[in-house]
Amino acid sequence: MNKNKKKFQGSCESCAFYTYDEDYEYYVCEANLDEDEMSAFLRGADFSCPYYRPGDEYLVVRKQM
């Protein structure tokens, strides 16, 4: 097990990179995953995403206040 990998911090549903594709009518991960990471993501295996970022759409608004 690689201990240098970042631990998965949340579910894909709350990630900023997990967006709805209106053309295909399903959610996709827009992070730049390598082949092994994408394989684990698609399998639903114990996936520790190094790109997870909370999808907080109000973050910019709060900083402006």
Protein backbone atom coordinates (compact mmCIF):
# COMPACT_ATOMS: atom_id res chain seq x y z
CA MET A 1 0.00 0.00 0.00
CA ASN A 2 1.35 3.39 -0.97
CA LYS A 3 1.37 5.59 2.14
CA ASN A 4 2.25 8.72 0.16
CA LYS A 5 -1.18 8.84 -1.49
CA LYS A 6 -3.61 11.40 -0.18
CA LYS A 7 -6.60 9.92 1.63
CA PHE A 8 -10.03 10.26 0.10
CA GLN A 9 -11.60 13.25 1.83
CA GLY A 10 -15.20 12.99 0.70
CA SER A 11 -17.57 11.42 -1.74
CA CYS A 12 -17.49 12.18 -5.45
CA GLU A 13 -20.94 13.73 -5.19
CA SER A 14 -19.49 16.62 -3.16
CA CYS A 15 -16.39 17.12 -5.34
CA ALA A 16 -15.96 20.18 -7.57
CA PHE A 17 -14.73 17.96 -10.41
CA TYR A 18 -17.84 15.74 -10.41
CA THR A 19 -20.20 17.43 -12.86
CA TYR A 20 -23.32 16.56 -14.83
CA ASP A 21 -22.83 16.08 -18.57
CA GLU A 22 -26.04 17.18 -20.28
CA ASP A 23 -25.08 15.56 -23.60
CA TYR A 24 -24.71 12.08 -22.09
CA GLU A 25 -27.15 12.68 -19.20
CA TYR A 26 -24.94 11.34 -16.39
CA TYR A 27 -22.28 12.56 -13.97
CA VAL A 28 -18.59 12.48 -14.91
CA CYS A 29 -15.31 13.15 -13.14
CA GLU A 30 -13.47 15.99 -14.87
CA ALA A 31 -10.25 15.60 -12.85
CA ASN A 32 -7.17 14.62 -14.83
CA LEU A 33 -6.92 11.03 -13.55
CA ASP A 34 -4.21 8.68 -14.76
CA GLU A 35 -5.13 5.23 -16.10
CA ASP A 36 -4.88 3.43 -12.73
CA GLU A 37 -6.86 6.11 -10.89
CA MET A 38 -9.60 6.09 -13.54
CA SER A 39 -9.82 2.30 -13.39
CA ALA A 40 -10.23 2.39 -9.59
CA PHE A 41 -12.81 5.20 -9.90
CA LEU A 42 -14.88 3.24 -12.43
CA ARG A 43 -14.68 0.00 -10.43
CA GLY A 44 -15.81 1.79 -7.30
CA ALA A 45 -12.87 0.25 -5.47
CA ASP A 46 -11.29 1.80 -2.39
CA PHE A 47 -10.41 4.92 -4.35
CA SER A 48 -8.29 7.62 -2.71
CA CYS A 49 -8.61 10.59 -5.02
CA PRO A 50 -5.64 12.97 -4.87
CA TYR A 51 -7.67 15.67 -6.66
CA TYR A 52 -10.69 15.85 -4.35
CA ARG A 53 -11.82 19.43 -3.81
CA PRO A 54 -15.06 20.30 -2.03
CA GLY A 55 -17.59 21.69 -4.51
CA ASP A 56 -18.52 24.81 -2.59
CA GLU A 57 -20.19 27.10 -5.12
CA TYR A 58 -20.60 29.86 -2.50
CA LEU A 59 -16.88 30.02 -1.61
CA VAL A 60 -16.21 33.03 -3.87
CA VAL A 61 -19.24 34.92 -2.53
CA ARG A 62 -18.13 34.44 1.09
CA LYS A 63 -14.65 35.78 0.28
CA GLN A 64 -16.17 38.92 -1.24
CA MET A 65 -18.13 39.72 1.91
